[in-house]
Amino acid sequence: MPNLGPTELIIILVIVLAVFGAGRLPELGGAIGRGIRDFRKALREDEETGTEEQPQTQDVTS
């Protein structure tokens, strides 16, 4: 994964501002934060239950 320096982060921020506008940034940040929080919560719950989905295999015979 490439390292992002300050210049790249500023460029990304400018692009996000151009696409979404300054008024929607708090809303967008909140949605991203909720998504990350829900994802981490689901990972924690999966680790607590100890259940991992096993890949389903089908026996196909001709």
N, C-alpha and C. Protein backbone atom coordinates (compact mmCIF):
# COMPACT_ATOMS: atom_id res chain seq x y z
N MET A 1 0.85 -1.17 0.00
CA MET A 1 0.00 0.00 0.00
C MET A 1 0.89 1.23 0.00
N PRO A 2 0.61 2.17 -0.87
CA PRO A 2 1.48 3.34 -0.96
C PRO A 2 1.30 4.26 0.25
N ASN A 3 2.38 4.95 0.58
CA ASN A 3 2.33 5.91 1.67
C ASN A 3 1.74 7.21 1.16
N LEU A 4 0.86 7.82 1.93
CA LEU A 4 0.27 9.09 1.57
C LEU A 4 0.94 10.19 2.37
N GLY A 5 1.52 11.14 1.67
CA GLY A 5 2.14 12.27 2.32
C GLY A 5 1.16 13.42 2.44
N PRO A 6 1.60 14.53 3.02
CA PRO A 6 0.72 15.68 3.20
C PRO A 6 0.20 16.25 1.87
N THR A 7 1.03 16.23 0.85
CA THR A 7 0.61 16.76 -0.45
C THR A 7 -0.54 15.95 -1.03
N GLU A 8 -0.42 14.64 -0.96
CA GLU A 8 -1.47 13.78 -1.49
C GLU A 8 -2.77 13.94 -0.71
N LEU A 9 -2.66 14.07 0.62
CA LEU A 9 -3.86 14.25 1.43
C LEU A 9 -4.56 15.56 1.11
N ILE A 10 -3.80 16.62 0.87
CA ILE A 10 -4.39 17.90 0.51
C ILE A 10 -5.11 17.80 -0.84
N ILE A 11 -4.50 17.12 -1.79
CA ILE A 11 -5.12 16.94 -3.11
C ILE A 11 -6.43 16.16 -2.97
N ILE A 12 -6.42 15.10 -2.16
CA ILE A 12 -7.64 14.32 -1.95
C ILE A 12 -8.72 15.18 -1.30
N LEU A 13 -8.35 15.99 -0.31
CA LEU A 13 -9.31 16.86 0.36
C LEU A 13 -9.92 17.86 -0.61
N VAL A 14 -9.11 18.43 -1.50
CA VAL A 14 -9.63 19.38 -2.48
C VAL A 14 -10.61 18.70 -3.42
N ILE A 15 -10.30 17.50 -3.84
CA ILE A 15 -11.20 16.76 -4.74
C ILE A 15 -12.51 16.44 -4.02
N VAL A 16 -12.44 16.02 -2.77
CA VAL A 16 -13.65 15.73 -2.00
C VAL A 16 -14.50 16.98 -1.83
N LEU A 17 -13.85 18.12 -1.55
CA LEU A 17 -14.58 19.39 -1.44
C LEU A 17 -15.27 19.74 -2.75
N ALA A 18 -14.60 19.53 -3.87
CA ALA A 18 -15.18 19.85 -5.17
C ALA A 18 -16.36 18.95 -5.48
N VAL A 19 -16.28 17.69 -5.10
CA VAL A 19 -17.34 16.74 -5.44
C VAL A 19 -18.55 16.91 -4.51
N PHE A 20 -18.32 16.98 -3.21
CA PHE A 20 -19.42 16.97 -2.26
C PHE A 20 -19.80 18.36 -1.75
N GLY A 21 -18.90 19.30 -1.78
CA GLY A 21 -19.19 20.63 -1.25
C GLY A 21 -18.93 20.70 0.24
N ALA A 22 -18.67 21.90 0.72
CA ALA A 22 -18.31 22.08 2.13
C ALA A 22 -19.49 21.79 3.06
N GLY A 23 -20.70 22.02 2.61
CA GLY A 23 -21.87 21.81 3.46
C GLY A 23 -22.14 20.36 3.79
N ARG A 24 -21.73 19.46 2.92
CA ARG A 24 -22.03 18.04 3.14
C ARG A 24 -20.88 17.28 3.80
N LEU A 25 -19.74 17.94 4.02
CA LEU A 25 -18.61 17.23 4.62
C LEU A 25 -18.90 16.68 6.01
N PRO A 26 -19.54 17.43 6.91
CA PRO A 26 -19.84 16.84 8.23
C PRO A 26 -20.74 15.61 8.12
N GLU A 27 -21.71 15.68 7.23
CA GLU A 27 -22.62 14.55 7.02
C GLU A 27 -21.85 13.34 6.48
N LEU A 28 -20.97 13.59 5.53
CA LEU A 28 -20.17 12.53 4.93
C LEU A 28 -19.23 11.91 5.96
N GLY A 29 -18.59 12.75 6.78
CA GLY A 29 -17.70 12.25 7.82
C GLY A 29 -18.44 11.41 8.84
N GLY A 30 -19.64 11.84 9.21
CA GLY A 30 -20.44 11.06 10.16
C GLY A 30 -20.83 9.71 9.59
N ALA A 31 -21.19 9.68 8.32
CA ALA A 31 -21.58 8.42 7.69
C ALA A 31 -20.39 7.46 7.62
N ILE A 32 -19.22 7.99 7.30
CA ILE A 32 -18.03 7.14 7.25
C ILE A 32 -17.71 6.61 8.65
N GLY A 33 -17.80 7.47 9.65
CA GLY A 33 -17.54 7.06 11.03
C GLY A 33 -18.50 5.98 11.50
N ARG A 34 -19.79 6.14 11.18
CA ARG A 34 -20.78 5.12 11.56
C ARG A 34 -20.49 3.80 10.86
N GLY A 35 -20.10 3.87 9.60
CA GLY A 35 -19.79 2.65 8.86
C GLY A 35 -18.61 1.90 9.45
N ILE A 36 -17.56 2.65 9.81
CA ILE A 36 -16.39 2.03 10.42
C ILE A 36 -16.74 1.43 11.78
N ARG A 37 -17.52 2.15 12.57
CA ARG A 37 -17.93 1.67 13.88
C ARG A 37 -18.75 0.39 13.76
N ASP A 38 -19.70 0.36 12.82
CA ASP A 38 -20.52 -0.84 12.63
C ASP A 38 -19.68 -2.03 12.17
N PHE A 39 -18.71 -1.76 11.30
CA PHE A 39 -17.83 -2.81 10.80
C PHE A 39 -17.02 -3.41 11.95
N ARG A 40 -16.44 -2.55 12.79
CA ARG A 40 -15.66 -3.04 13.93
C ARG A 40 -16.53 -3.81 14.92
N LYS A 41 -17.75 -3.33 15.12
CA LYS A 41 -18.68 -4.02 16.03
C LYS A 41 -18.99 -5.43 15.50
N ALA A 42 -19.21 -5.54 14.20
CA ALA A 42 -19.49 -6.84 13.60
C ALA A 42 -18.29 -7.77 13.72
N LEU A 43 -17.09 -7.23 13.55
CA LEU A 43 -15.89 -8.06 13.70
C LEU A 43 -15.75 -8.56 15.13
N ARG A 44 -15.99 -7.67 16.09
CA ARG A 44 -15.92 -8.07 17.50
C ARG A 44 -16.93 -9.15 17.82
N GLU A 45 -18.16 -8.99 17.35
CA GLU A 45 -19.20 -9.99 17.61
C GLU A 45 -18.84 -11.33 16.99
N ASP A 46 -18.24 -11.30 15.80
CA ASP A 46 -17.85 -12.54 15.14
C ASP A 46 -16.73 -13.22 15.92
N GLU A 47 -15.79 -12.44 16.45
CA GLU A 47 -14.70 -13.03 17.24
C GLU A 47 -15.23 -13.61 18.55
N GLU A 48 -16.22 -12.96 19.16
CA GLU A 48 -16.77 -13.44 20.43
C GLU A 48 -17.51 -14.75 20.25
N THR A 49 -18.25 -14.88 19.15
CA THR A 49 -19.01 -16.10 18.94
C THR A 49 -18.10 -17.23 18.46
N GLY A 50 -16.99 -16.88 17.85
CA GLY A 50 -16.05 -17.90 17.39
C GLY A 50 -16.52 -18.64 16.17
N THR A 51 -17.51 -18.12 15.51
CA THR A 51 -18.00 -18.79 14.31
C THR A 51 -17.43 -18.11 13.09
N GLU A 52 -16.85 -18.92 12.28
CA GLU A 52 -16.36 -18.44 11.00
C GLU A 52 -17.09 -19.21 9.92
N GLU A 53 -17.45 -18.51 8.89
CA GLU A 53 -18.13 -19.18 7.80
C GLU A 53 -17.15 -20.05 7.05
N GLN A 54 -17.54 -21.29 6.88
CA GLN A 54 -16.73 -22.21 6.11
C GLN A 54 -17.18 -22.14 4.66
N PRO A 55 -16.26 -22.21 3.75
CA PRO A 55 -16.66 -22.17 2.35
C PRO A 55 -17.55 -23.35 2.00
N GLN A 56 -18.60 -23.07 1.29
CA GLN A 56 -19.53 -24.11 0.88
C GLN A 56 -18.98 -24.80 -0.37
N THR A 57 -18.90 -26.09 -0.32
CA THR A 57 -18.46 -26.85 -1.48
C THR A 57 -19.59 -27.77 -1.91
N GLN A 58 -19.69 -27.92 -3.18
CA GLN A 58 -20.72 -28.79 -3.72
C GLN A 58 -20.05 -29.97 -4.39
N ASP A 59 -20.63 -31.12 -4.19
CA ASP A 59 -20.11 -32.32 -4.83
C ASP A 59 -20.81 -32.45 -6.18
N VAL A 60 -20.05 -32.16 -7.21
CA VAL A 60 -20.62 -32.21 -8.55
C VAL A 60 -20.04 -33.43 -9.25
N THR A 61 -20.90 -34.38 -9.52
CA THR A 61 -20.45 -35.57 -10.22
C THR A 61 -21.22 -35.71 -11.52
N SER A 62 -20.51 -36.13 -12.52
CA SER A 62 -21.16 -36.28 -13.83
C SER A 62 -21.35 -37.72 -14.17
